[in-house]
N, C-alpha and C. Protein backbone atom coordinates (compact mmCIF):
# COMPACT_ATOMS: atom_id res chain seq x y z
N MET A 1 -1.16 24.12 30.22
CA MET A 1 -0.39 24.40 30.44
C MET A 1 0.03 24.38 28.83
N LYS A 2 1.94 24.39 29.20
CA LYS A 2 2.21 25.22 28.31
C LYS A 2 2.15 24.33 27.54
N ARG A 3 2.57 23.96 25.97
CA ARG A 3 3.28 23.09 24.68
C ARG A 3 3.91 22.74 24.24
N LEU A 4 4.07 21.47 24.78
CA LEU A 4 5.55 20.61 24.56
C LEU A 4 5.76 20.11 22.99
N ILE A 5 6.39 21.95 21.72
CA ILE A 5 6.37 21.24 20.73
C ILE A 5 7.26 20.72 20.27
N PRO A 6 8.33 20.13 20.85
CA PRO A 6 9.53 20.14 20.51
C PRO A 6 8.75 18.62 20.64
N VAL A 7 8.14 17.83 21.96
CA VAL A 7 7.59 16.58 21.82
C VAL A 7 6.80 15.72 20.78
N LEU A 8 6.06 17.06 20.42
CA LEU A 8 5.06 16.95 19.40
C LEU A 8 5.35 16.81 18.15
N ALA A 9 6.74 16.89 17.71
CA ALA A 9 7.57 17.00 16.19
C ALA A 9 7.91 14.98 15.82
N VAL A 10 8.41 14.77 17.66
CA VAL A 10 8.65 13.42 18.07
C VAL A 10 7.64 12.76 17.55
N LEU A 11 6.63 12.71 18.10
CA LEU A 11 5.46 12.21 18.21
C LEU A 11 4.46 12.61 16.22
N ALA A 12 5.41 12.71 15.48
CA ALA A 12 4.43 13.28 14.64
C ALA A 12 5.15 11.64 13.98
N ALA A 13 6.47 11.86 14.52
CA ALA A 13 7.04 11.07 13.31
C ALA A 13 6.84 9.88 13.99
N PHE A 14 6.12 9.45 14.89
CA PHE A 14 5.72 8.04 15.45
C PHE A 14 4.83 7.93 14.56
N ALA A 15 3.89 9.30 15.03
CA ALA A 15 3.09 8.02 14.27
C ALA A 15 2.16 8.00 12.72
N VAL A 16 3.34 7.61 11.94
CA VAL A 16 3.67 6.96 10.60
C VAL A 16 3.83 6.09 9.96
N ALA A 17 5.14 5.85 10.20
CA ALA A 17 5.94 4.22 10.45
C ALA A 17 4.48 2.13 10.58
N PRO A 18 4.99 3.04 12.23
CA PRO A 18 3.99 1.70 13.05
C PRO A 18 2.64 1.29 12.90
N LEU A 19 2.11 1.95 12.29
CA LEU A 19 0.77 2.12 11.86
C LEU A 19 0.43 1.15 10.54
N ALA A 20 1.68 1.32 9.44
CA ALA A 20 1.48 0.63 8.36
C ALA A 20 1.62 -0.78 8.17
N HIS A 21 0.77 -1.31 7.59
CA HIS A 21 0.67 -2.85 7.40
C HIS A 21 2.58 -3.45 5.89
N ALA A 22 3.40 -3.31 7.18
CA ALA A 22 4.57 -3.18 6.62
C ALA A 22 4.72 -4.60 6.48
N ALA A 23 5.78 -5.03 4.93
CA ALA A 23 6.54 -6.62 5.64
C ALA A 23 7.69 -6.07 5.55
N THR A 24 7.84 -7.86 6.99
CA THR A 24 8.11 -7.86 7.71
C THR A 24 9.59 -8.66 7.30
N LYS A 25 11.21 -7.45 7.89
CA LYS A 25 12.12 -8.01 7.25
C LYS A 25 13.29 -7.74 7.86
N PRO A 26 14.06 -8.28 8.31
CA PRO A 26 15.13 -8.54 9.27
C PRO A 26 16.10 -6.87 8.72
N ALA A 27 17.27 -6.78 9.54
CA ALA A 27 18.37 -5.22 9.52
C ALA A 27 19.48 -5.39 8.68
N ALA A 28 19.61 -4.70 7.54
CA ALA A 28 20.17 -4.81 6.91
C ALA A 28 21.35 -3.40 6.30
N ALA A 29 22.81 -4.02 6.57
CA ALA A 29 23.42 -2.54 6.52
C ALA A 29 22.78 -1.98 4.88
N PRO A 30 23.38 -1.08 5.24
CA PRO A 30 23.40 0.62 3.91
C PRO A 30 23.05 -0.13 2.15
N GLY A 31 24.54 -0.87 2.68
CA GLY A 31 24.27 -0.88 0.23
C GLY A 31 23.34 -2.17 0.58
N ALA A 32 23.57 -3.43 1.45
CA ALA A 32 22.45 -4.89 1.14
C ALA A 32 21.50 -4.02 0.80
N VAL A 33 20.76 -3.00 1.25
CA VAL A 33 19.54 -2.50 1.92
C VAL A 33 19.06 -2.15 0.06
N THR A 34 19.56 -1.07 -0.87
CA THR A 34 20.60 -0.33 -1.68
C THR A 34 19.88 -1.10 -2.75
N ASP A 35 20.75 -2.48 -2.89
CA ASP A 35 21.21 -3.35 -3.44
C ASP A 35 19.93 -4.54 -3.41
N SER A 36 19.03 -4.12 -2.63
CA SER A 36 18.06 -4.42 -2.43
C SER A 36 16.73 -3.74 -3.56
N LEU A 37 17.33 -3.00 -3.33
CA LEU A 37 16.37 -1.86 -3.73
C LEU A 37 16.85 -1.83 -5.41
N ALA A 38 17.65 -1.87 -5.81
CA ALA A 38 17.05 -1.41 -6.75
C ALA A 38 17.69 -2.81 -7.75
N LEU A 39 18.21 -4.48 -7.12
CA LEU A 39 17.43 -6.07 -7.71
C LEU A 39 15.82 -5.11 -7.98
N LEU A 40 14.90 -5.22 -6.70
CA LEU A 40 13.36 -4.95 -7.12
C LEU A 40 12.86 -4.00 -7.51
N GLU A 41 13.20 -3.64 -8.36
CA GLU A 41 12.86 -2.17 -9.42
C GLU A 41 13.79 -2.80 -10.40
N ARG A 42 14.69 -3.64 -9.88
CA ARG A 42 15.07 -4.73 -11.78
C ARG A 42 13.30 -5.61 -12.31
N ALA A 43 13.70 -6.52 -11.13
CA ALA A 43 13.02 -7.13 -11.01
C ALA A 43 11.32 -7.09 -11.43
N VAL A 44 10.96 -6.09 -11.08
CA VAL A 44 9.59 -4.97 -11.77
C VAL A 44 9.30 -4.40 -12.61
N ALA A 45 10.44 -4.04 -13.13
CA ALA A 45 10.62 -3.78 -14.26
C ALA A 45 10.48 -5.10 -16.03
N LYS A 46 10.85 -6.05 -14.93
CA LYS A 46 10.89 -6.97 -15.44
C LYS A 46 9.66 -7.67 -15.98
N ASP A 47 9.07 -7.82 -14.29
CA ASP A 47 7.70 -8.14 -14.97
C ASP A 47 7.24 -8.14 -13.85
N SER A 48 5.96 -7.45 -14.11
CA SER A 48 5.51 -6.75 -13.23
C SER A 48 4.29 -7.10 -13.13
N THR A 49 4.10 -7.90 -13.47
CA THR A 49 2.68 -9.08 -13.10
C THR A 49 2.39 -9.47 -11.37
N LYS A 50 3.79 -9.55 -10.71
CA LYS A 50 4.60 -10.45 -9.77
C LYS A 50 4.11 -9.87 -8.46
N PHE A 51 2.50 -10.34 -7.93
CA PHE A 51 2.64 -9.44 -6.99
C PHE A 51 3.31 -9.04 -5.45
N ASP A 52 4.27 -10.17 -5.03
CA ASP A 52 4.79 -10.33 -3.95
C ASP A 52 5.80 -8.24 -4.09
N ASN A 53 7.00 -8.81 -5.50
CA ASN A 53 7.59 -8.10 -5.73
C ASN A 53 7.29 -6.67 -5.88
N LEU A 54 5.80 -6.34 -6.65
CA LEU A 54 5.13 -5.05 -6.73
C LEU A 54 4.91 -4.45 -5.23
N TYR A 55 4.41 -5.44 -3.96
CA TYR A 55 4.35 -5.31 -2.76
C TYR A 55 5.28 -4.15 -1.51
N ARG A 56 6.26 -6.11 -1.87
CA ARG A 56 7.83 -5.38 -1.42
C ARG A 56 8.71 -3.72 -2.31
N LEU A 57 7.98 -3.88 -3.12
CA LEU A 57 9.15 -2.78 -3.72
C LEU A 57 8.21 -1.05 -2.86
N GLY A 58 6.73 -1.20 -3.17
CA GLY A 58 5.89 -0.55 -2.80
C GLY A 58 6.19 -0.21 -1.64
N ILE A 59 6.52 -0.50 -0.50
CA ILE A 59 7.36 -0.65 1.33
C ILE A 59 8.12 -0.17 1.31
N MET A 60 9.57 -0.31 0.15
CA MET A 60 10.57 0.28 0.51
C MET A 60 10.71 1.34 -0.32
N TYR A 61 9.70 1.33 -0.82
CA TYR A 61 9.53 2.89 -1.29
C TYR A 61 9.25 4.47 -0.08
N LEU A 62 7.88 3.25 0.98
CA LEU A 62 7.65 4.49 1.86
C LEU A 62 9.02 4.40 3.05
N ASP A 63 9.52 3.32 3.28
CA ASP A 63 10.38 2.97 3.96
C ASP A 63 11.17 4.48 3.51
N ARG A 64 11.14 4.29 2.26
CA ARG A 64 12.59 5.88 1.78
C ARG A 64 11.17 7.60 2.25
N GLU A 65 10.81 6.62 2.03
CA GLU A 65 9.54 8.65 1.23
C GLU A 65 9.49 9.10 0.09
N LYS A 66 10.31 8.11 -0.44
CA LYS A 66 8.67 7.91 -2.35
C LYS A 66 8.38 7.31 -2.46
N ASN A 67 6.53 8.44 -1.65
CA ASN A 67 5.16 7.77 -1.32
C ASN A 67 5.60 8.50 -3.63
N ALA A 68 5.30 9.23 -4.35
CA ALA A 68 4.74 8.81 -5.35
C ALA A 68 4.70 7.20 -5.97
N GLU A 69 6.31 7.41 -5.99
CA GLU A 69 6.87 5.99 -6.61
C GLU A 69 5.98 4.45 -5.83
N ALA A 70 5.36 4.73 -4.52
CA ALA A 70 4.83 3.39 -4.25
C ALA A 70 3.78 3.93 -4.25
N ALA A 71 3.49 4.61 -4.33
CA ALA A 71 1.84 5.21 -4.60
C ALA A 71 1.62 4.48 -6.04
N GLN A 72 2.23 4.87 -7.63
CA GLN A 72 2.23 3.97 -8.56
C GLN A 72 2.39 2.72 -8.27
N VAL A 73 4.00 1.95 -7.58
CA VAL A 73 4.01 0.56 -7.42
C VAL A 73 2.52 -0.52 -6.61
N PHE A 74 2.18 0.47 -5.96
CA PHE A 74 0.20 -0.19 -5.11
C PHE A 74 0.14 0.04 -5.96
N ALA A 75 -0.39 0.82 -6.29
CA ALA A 75 -2.01 0.77 -7.92
C ALA A 75 -1.79 -0.33 -8.51
N LYS A 76 -0.43 -0.37 -9.18
CA LYS A 76 -0.13 -2.04 -10.26
C LYS A 76 -0.07 -3.27 -9.31
N ALA A 77 -0.24 -2.74 -8.33
CA ALA A 77 -0.34 -4.22 -7.24
C ALA A 77 -1.55 -4.79 -7.04
N ASN A 78 -2.63 -3.48 -6.91
CA ASN A 78 -3.84 -3.85 -6.57
C ASN A 78 -4.54 -3.94 -7.51
N LYS A 79 -4.50 -4.44 -9.02
CA LYS A 79 -4.21 -4.53 -10.75
C LYS A 79 -4.36 -6.02 -9.96
N VAL A 80 -3.34 -6.32 -9.58
CA VAL A 80 -2.94 -7.89 -10.24
C VAL A 80 -3.05 -8.80 -8.93
N LYS A 81 -3.57 -7.80 -7.32
CA LYS A 81 -4.47 -8.87 -6.23
C LYS A 81 -5.25 -7.16 -6.30
N PRO A 82 -7.01 -7.56 -6.25
CA PRO A 82 -7.98 -6.55 -6.23
C PRO A 82 -8.79 -6.74 -4.86
N LYS A 83 -8.30 -5.38 -3.59
CA LYS A 83 -9.63 -6.10 -2.83
C LYS A 83 -8.05 -6.92 -1.97
N ASN A 84 -6.76 -5.97 -1.57
CA ASN A 84 -5.39 -6.61 -0.58
C ASN A 84 -6.15 -5.95 0.22
N VAL A 85 -5.72 -6.12 1.58
CA VAL A 85 -6.50 -5.05 2.71
C VAL A 85 -5.47 -3.76 2.56
N LYS A 86 -3.74 -5.25 2.24
CA LYS A 86 -2.63 -4.70 2.89
C LYS A 86 -2.20 -3.61 1.76
N VAL A 87 -2.82 -3.77 0.26
CA VAL A 87 -2.61 -2.81 -0.33
C VAL A 87 -3.26 -1.43 -0.47
N LEU A 88 -4.23 -1.56 -0.06
CA LEU A 88 -4.64 -0.12 -0.25
C LEU A 88 -4.66 1.19 0.82
N VAL A 89 -4.80 -0.24 2.63
CA VAL A 89 -3.99 0.19 3.08
C VAL A 89 -2.60 1.14 3.04
N ASN A 90 -2.01 0.33 2.64
CA ASN A 90 -0.11 0.88 2.24
C ASN A 90 -0.52 2.73 1.12
N MET A 91 -1.48 1.76 0.03
CA MET A 91 -2.29 3.03 -1.12
C MET A 91 -2.76 4.33 -0.15
N GLY A 92 -3.15 3.90 1.17
CA GLY A 92 -3.27 6.28 1.15
C GLY A 92 -2.55 6.00 2.55
N VAL A 93 -1.84 5.39 2.79
CA VAL A 93 -0.16 6.21 2.81
C VAL A 93 0.02 6.18 2.37
N ALA A 94 0.34 6.54 1.43
CA ALA A 94 1.05 6.72 0.12
C ALA A 94 -0.19 9.11 -0.21
N HIS A 95 -0.79 7.70 -0.28
CA HIS A 95 -1.38 9.93 -0.42
C HIS A 95 -1.63 10.89 0.21
N ASP A 96 -2.02 9.88 1.46
CA ASP A 96 -1.47 11.03 2.46
C ASP A 96 0.17 11.30 2.91
N ASN A 97 0.43 11.01 2.88
CA ASN A 97 1.86 11.20 2.64
C ASN A 97 2.36 12.34 1.06
N LEU A 98 1.64 12.67 0.17
CA LEU A 98 1.76 13.20 -0.33
C LEU A 98 0.61 14.33 -0.53
N GLY A 99 -0.17 14.38 0.86
CA GLY A 99 -1.14 15.58 0.70
C GLY A 99 -2.08 15.15 0.11
N LYS A 100 -3.16 14.12 -0.12
CA LYS A 100 -3.83 14.30 -0.95
C LYS A 100 -4.51 13.13 0.24
N PRO A 101 -5.51 13.53 0.81
CA PRO A 101 -6.28 13.26 1.74
C PRO A 101 -7.82 12.50 1.92
N GLU A 102 -8.15 13.33 1.29
CA GLU A 102 -9.74 12.58 0.06
C GLU A 102 -9.37 11.34 0.22
N LEU A 103 -7.85 10.89 -1.15
CA LEU A 103 -7.78 9.99 -1.96
C LEU A 103 -7.30 8.99 -0.86
N ALA A 104 -7.07 9.30 0.40
CA ALA A 104 -5.73 8.53 0.79
C ALA A 104 -7.66 7.67 2.33
N GLN A 105 -8.08 8.28 2.65
CA GLN A 105 -9.43 8.38 3.03
C GLN A 105 -9.91 7.12 1.94
N GLY A 106 -10.20 7.28 1.13
CA GLY A 106 -10.89 6.26 0.21
C GLY A 106 -10.71 5.26 0.68
N PHE A 107 -9.28 4.78 -0.01
CA PHE A 107 -8.66 3.51 0.24
C PHE A 107 -8.67 2.94 1.81
N TYR A 108 -8.59 3.95 2.16
CA TYR A 108 -9.32 3.55 4.03
C TYR A 108 -10.31 2.91 4.12
N GLN A 109 -10.85 3.50 4.41
CA GLN A 109 -12.16 3.01 3.26
C GLN A 109 -12.88 1.65 2.81
N GLU A 110 -12.24 1.66 1.99
CA GLU A 110 -11.87 0.59 1.70
C GLU A 110 -12.20 -0.88 1.68
N ALA A 111 -11.03 -1.00 2.18
CA ALA A 111 -9.97 -1.41 2.83
C ALA A 111 -10.79 -1.57 4.49
N ILE A 112 -11.22 -1.26 5.07
CA ILE A 112 -12.40 -0.98 5.89
C ILE A 112 -13.63 -2.08 5.54
N GLY A 113 -14.03 -1.95 4.16
CA GLY A 113 -16.16 -2.74 3.25
C GLY A 113 -15.29 -3.90 3.50
N ILE A 114 -14.09 -3.92 3.26
CA ILE A 114 -13.35 -5.26 3.03
C ILE A 114 -13.43 -6.19 3.63
N ALA A 115 -12.58 -6.25 4.54
CA ALA A 115 -12.10 -6.44 6.36
C ALA A 115 -12.55 -5.40 7.58
N PRO A 116 -14.08 -5.01 7.98
CA PRO A 116 -14.12 -4.29 9.30
C PRO A 116 -14.10 -4.81 10.13
N THR A 117 -12.98 -5.34 10.69
CA THR A 117 -12.39 -5.73 11.54
C THR A 117 -10.53 -5.38 11.69
N ASP A 118 -10.07 -5.39 10.78
CA ASP A 118 -8.70 -4.15 9.79
C ASP A 118 -8.82 -3.30 11.13
N SER A 119 -8.11 -3.20 12.34
CA SER A 119 -7.58 -2.11 12.70
C SER A 119 -6.82 -1.15 12.72
N ILE A 120 -5.92 -1.64 11.82
CA ILE A 120 -4.86 -0.51 10.73
C ILE A 120 -5.74 0.22 10.72
N ALA A 121 -6.42 0.12 9.61
CA ALA A 121 -6.76 0.15 8.75
C ALA A 121 -8.11 1.84 8.72
N SER A 122 -8.63 1.06 10.46
CA SER A 122 -9.68 2.44 10.55
C SER A 122 -8.32 3.41 11.72
N CYS A 123 -7.55 2.91 12.30
CA CYS A 123 -6.22 4.05 12.70
C CYS A 123 -6.14 4.38 12.03
N ARG A 124 -4.95 4.08 10.70
CA ARG A 124 -5.11 5.15 9.68
C ARG A 124 -6.09 5.67 9.40
N LEU A 125 -7.52 5.75 9.20
CA LEU A 125 -8.74 6.67 8.60
C LEU A 125 -8.54 7.72 9.71
N ALA A 126 -8.53 7.15 10.59
CA ALA A 126 -9.16 8.16 11.98
C ALA A 126 -7.21 8.82 11.82
N THR A 127 -6.28 8.84 11.98
CA THR A 127 -5.43 9.50 11.29
C THR A 127 -4.84 10.85 10.31
N SER A 128 -5.44 10.06 9.40
CA SER A 128 -6.07 10.95 8.40
C SER A 128 -7.17 12.08 8.83
N TYR A 129 -7.91 11.24 9.43
CA TYR A 129 -9.49 12.76 10.03
C TYR A 129 -8.45 13.67 10.10
N TYR A 130 -7.96 13.22 11.63
CA TYR A 130 -7.17 14.07 13.04
C TYR A 130 -6.31 15.62 11.94
N ALA A 131 -5.08 15.08 10.81
CA ALA A 131 -4.63 15.47 10.47
C ALA A 131 -5.07 16.50 9.73
N GLN A 132 -5.86 15.33 9.08
CA GLN A 132 -7.08 16.73 8.27
C GLN A 132 -8.04 18.34 9.15
N GLY A 133 -7.94 17.92 10.16
CA GLY A 133 -8.74 18.72 11.45
C GLY A 133 -10.18 17.82 12.02
N LYS A 134 -10.63 17.20 11.74
CA LYS A 134 -11.81 16.58 11.72
C LYS A 134 -11.51 15.57 13.46
N PHE A 135 -11.62 16.52 13.93
CA PHE A 135 -10.79 16.00 15.12
C PHE A 135 -12.64 14.76 16.03
N GLY A 136 -13.82 15.75 16.07
CA GLY A 136 -14.74 14.36 15.84
C GLY A 136 -14.77 13.06 15.34
N ASP A 137 -14.71 13.18 14.20
CA ASP A 137 -14.81 12.10 13.08
C ASP A 137 -12.92 11.53 14.05
N ALA A 138 -12.42 11.52 13.45
CA ALA A 138 -11.22 10.73 14.18
C ALA A 138 -10.92 10.16 15.99
N MET A 139 -11.64 11.05 16.41
CA MET A 139 -11.86 10.70 17.96
C MET A 139 -13.31 9.99 18.49
N SER A 140 -14.21 9.64 17.54
CA SER A 140 -15.48 8.99 16.90
C SER A 140 -14.88 7.42 16.56
N LEU A 141 -14.06 7.53 15.43
CA LEU A 141 -13.46 6.44 15.12
C LEU A 141 -12.84 5.79 16.19
N LEU A 142 -11.71 6.80 16.51
CA LEU A 142 -11.01 5.82 17.50
C LEU A 142 -11.57 5.57 18.80
N ARG A 143 -13.04 4.86 19.44
CA ARG A 143 -13.65 5.61 20.68
C ARG A 143 -15.10 3.98 20.15
N SER A 144 -14.39 4.71 18.27
CA SER A 144 -16.13 3.22 18.75
C SER A 144 -14.56 1.72 18.10
N LEU A 145 -13.84 1.65 17.04
CA LEU A 145 -12.89 0.43 17.27
C LEU A 145 -12.34 -0.38 18.46
N ILE A 146 -12.32 1.08 20.43
CA ILE A 146 -11.60 0.47 20.71
C ILE A 146 -13.13 -0.45 22.12
N ALA A 147 -14.43 0.01 21.60
CA ALA A 147 -15.60 -0.45 22.21
C ALA A 147 -15.57 -1.75 21.05
N LYS A 148 -15.29 -2.29 19.89
CA LYS A 148 -15.78 -3.19 18.83
C LYS A 148 -14.22 -3.77 19.55
N GLN A 149 -13.26 -3.15 19.56
CA GLN A 149 -12.20 -4.57 19.76
C GLN A 149 -10.89 -3.67 20.90
N PRO A 150 -11.60 -3.74 22.21
CA PRO A 150 -11.09 -3.09 23.20
C PRO A 150 -9.69 -3.53 23.65
N ARG A 151 -9.07 -4.08 23.17
CA ARG A 151 -7.50 -5.24 22.43
C ARG A 151 -6.47 -4.07 21.73
N SER A 152 -7.71 -3.23 20.98
CA SER A 152 -6.60 -2.13 19.44
C SER A 152 -5.88 -1.28 19.78
N HIS A 153 -4.44 -2.42 19.94
CA HIS A 153 -2.91 -1.52 20.58
C HIS A 153 -3.09 -0.76 19.81
N CYS A 154 -3.41 -0.08 18.38
CA CYS A 154 -3.16 0.81 17.51
C CYS A 154 -3.87 2.29 17.07
N ALA A 155 -5.96 1.54 17.95
CA ALA A 155 -6.19 2.59 18.18
C ALA A 155 -6.14 3.82 19.30
N TYR A 156 -5.15 2.85 20.68
CA TYR A 156 -5.12 3.08 21.55
C TYR A 156 -3.81 4.32 21.53
N PHE A 157 -2.92 4.21 20.92
CA PHE A 157 -1.73 4.70 19.83
C PHE A 157 -1.74 5.79 19.68
N THR A 158 -3.47 5.60 18.87
CA THR A 158 -3.22 7.42 18.24
C THR A 158 -4.26 7.58 18.48
N MET A 159 -5.17 6.98 19.64
CA MET A 159 -5.73 8.35 20.87
C MET A 159 -4.67 9.01 21.29
N GLY A 160 -3.65 8.06 22.00
CA GLY A 160 -2.94 9.27 22.76
C GLY A 160 -1.53 9.84 22.02
N VAL A 161 -1.10 9.46 20.87
CA VAL A 161 -1.04 11.25 19.73
C VAL A 161 -1.46 12.47 19.57
N SER A 162 -3.19 11.73 19.28
CA SER A 162 -4.31 13.12 19.12
C SER A 162 -3.56 13.90 20.61
N PHE A 163 -4.09 13.10 21.99
CA PHE A 163 -4.17 14.14 23.13
C PHE A 163 -2.80 14.46 23.72
N ALA A 164 -1.75 13.98 23.34
CA ALA A 164 -0.48 14.17 23.37
C ALA A 164 -1.06 15.81 22.20
N ASP A 165 -1.08 15.84 21.24
CA ASP A 165 -1.13 16.49 20.24
C ASP A 165 -2.24 18.21 20.85
N ALA A 166 -2.86 18.13 21.80
CA ALA A 166 -4.00 18.51 21.93
C ALA A 166 -4.25 19.36 24.18
N GLY A 167 -2.53 18.56 23.59
CA GLY A 167 -1.83 18.63 25.62
C GLY A 167 -2.69 18.14 26.75
N LEU A 168 -3.29 17.62 26.29
CA LEU A 168 -3.41 16.43 27.71
C LEU A 168 -2.64 15.15 28.00
N TYR A 169 -1.10 15.80 28.49
CA TYR A 169 -0.37 14.95 28.10
C TYR A 169 -1.08 13.66 28.92
N ARG A 170 -1.46 13.51 30.54
CA ARG A 170 -1.44 12.36 31.51
C ARG A 170 -2.61 11.52 30.40
N ASP A 171 -3.36 12.41 29.92
CA ASP A 171 -4.38 11.18 29.63
C ASP A 171 -3.75 10.66 27.59
N ALA A 172 -2.64 10.98 26.71
CA ALA A 172 -2.44 10.21 26.22
C ALA A 172 -1.49 9.36 27.09
N ILE A 173 -0.61 9.55 27.95
CA ILE A 173 0.35 8.81 28.71
C ILE A 173 -0.29 7.49 28.65
N ARG A 174 -1.96 7.91 30.15
CA ARG A 174 -2.79 6.98 30.05
C ARG A 174 -3.08 5.90 28.88
N MET A 175 -3.17 6.87 27.72
CA MET A 175 -3.43 5.64 26.74
C MET A 175 -2.49 4.60 25.68
N TRP A 176 -1.22 5.76 26.09
CA TRP A 176 0.38 4.37 25.12
C TRP A 176 0.61 3.73 26.66
N LYS A 177 0.14 3.83 28.26
CA LYS A 177 0.34 2.73 28.99
C LYS A 177 -0.28 1.47 28.33
N LYS A 178 -1.60 1.95 27.62
CA LYS A 178 -2.70 0.96 27.61
C LYS A 178 -2.06 0.02 25.84
N VAL A 179 -0.99 0.45 24.71
CA VAL A 179 -0.67 0.02 24.57
C VAL A 179 0.70 -0.54 24.53
N ILE A 180 1.37 -0.48 25.73
CA ILE A 180 2.66 -1.29 26.30
C ILE A 180 1.72 -2.94 27.03
N GLU A 181 0.59 -2.45 27.75
CA GLU A 181 -0.54 -3.30 28.18
C GLU A 181 -0.70 -4.50 27.61
N PHE A 182 -0.96 -4.08 25.58
CA PHE A 182 -1.69 -4.79 25.09
C PHE A 182 -1.01 -5.09 23.78
N ALA A 183 0.47 -5.09 23.73
CA ALA A 183 0.80 -4.45 22.79
C ALA A 183 2.31 -4.92 23.29
N PRO A 184 3.51 -5.29 24.17
CA PRO A 184 4.52 -5.21 24.54
C PRO A 184 5.54 -5.16 23.02
N THR A 185 4.92 -6.36 22.56
CA THR A 185 6.78 -6.81 21.44
C THR A 185 6.25 -5.15 20.50
N SER A 186 5.39 -5.09 19.90
CA SER A 186 4.88 -4.11 18.70
C SER A 186 5.88 -3.27 18.70
N PRO A 187 6.42 -2.51 17.19
CA PRO A 187 6.71 -1.26 17.46
C PRO A 187 6.21 0.15 18.04
N GLU A 188 4.56 -0.16 17.65
CA GLU A 188 3.70 1.00 18.78
C GLU A 188 4.12 1.56 19.91
N ALA A 189 4.13 -0.41 20.64
CA ALA A 189 4.85 0.62 22.50
C ALA A 189 5.85 0.89 22.21
N GLN A 190 7.09 -0.05 21.54
CA GLN A 190 8.73 1.39 21.24
C GLN A 190 9.02 2.30 21.50
N SER A 191 7.85 3.34 20.28
CA SER A 191 7.67 4.13 20.57
C SER A 191 6.27 4.64 21.48
N ALA A 192 5.43 4.84 21.97
CA ALA A 192 4.70 4.63 22.75
C ALA A 192 5.55 5.12 24.59
N LYS A 193 6.93 3.86 25.09
CA LYS A 193 7.83 4.06 26.10
C LYS A 193 8.38 5.23 25.95
N GLU A 194 9.03 5.13 24.54
CA GLU A 194 10.53 6.33 24.46
C GLU A 194 9.42 8.30 24.59
N SER A 195 8.10 7.77 24.54
CA SER A 195 6.70 9.25 24.47
C SER A 195 6.85 9.44 26.03
N ILE A 196 6.33 8.50 26.41
CA ILE A 196 5.53 8.47 27.80
C ILE A 196 6.89 8.71 28.77
N ASP A 197 7.69 8.36 28.74
CA ASP A 197 9.23 8.50 29.26
C ASP A 197 9.93 10.22 28.61
N VAL A 198 9.47 10.56 28.04
CA VAL A 198 9.64 12.11 26.91
C VAL A 198 8.31 13.16 28.03
N LEU A 199 7.77 12.77 27.32
CA LEU A 199 6.18 12.97 28.67
C LEU A 199 6.50 13.33 30.15
N GLU A 200 6.48 12.68 31.02
CA GLU A 200 6.77 12.54 32.82
C GLU A 200 8.20 12.82 32.33
N ARG A 201 9.23 13.42 31.55
CA ARG A 201 10.46 14.24 32.49
C ARG A 201 9.50 15.66 31.90
N PHE A 202 9.10 15.86 31.27
CA PHE A 202 8.80 17.40 31.06
C PHE A 202 7.27 17.75 32.85
N LEU A 203 6.02 17.14 32.70
CA LEU A 203 5.62 16.98 33.49
C LEU A 203 6.35 17.73 35.23
N ALA A 204 7.30 16.55 34.92
CA ALA A 204 8.24 16.06 36.39
C ALA A 204 9.05 17.89 36.44
N GLY A 205 8.76 18.60 35.47
CA GLY A 205 9.81 19.73 35.72
C GLY A 205 8.44 21.60 35.65
N GLN A 206 7.06 20.44 35.60
CA GLN A 206 5.98 21.57 35.87
C GLN A 206 6.22 21.88 36.80
């Protein structure tokens, strides 16, 4: 079957944001977002011991693809509150985005060691393995996660991305329908719906 390259580019983007442990925040106008970032930067510069400010600033940097800055801020947050799973996962995300998968995987594994049932950490680790070409390791981890947590929507989402990347579009659609079934209001479900629509239109035209 012909590979659907434009879809894969979209899926690559979908695979990043929905799976991070992110802070919940309302939508804001661009100017307000910039002001919020500047305010947080000043607050952290003034006092770098407040965990909440460090964590929120790290998330803001990730959202703006300022991965080096995010990694530095999350490292500070990790010193203030060691072994925080959300911090470790997002440190992994930042380092993955910086092209340092081995370092990223260490943070994901540390997070899993602290919270073995944290599905986001496992999904992120699987995504990192897959991006590194360790396809067997990635799929084994996802299958293990689904066996332990049959309703892990992030596992089905990530597996769907892997199937789509391999050109197994019907299998990808099947995985993403599970995401919609198990977590209909999640960001992953919205991405899954859009991806299913694109793939079904592509398959209908074959």
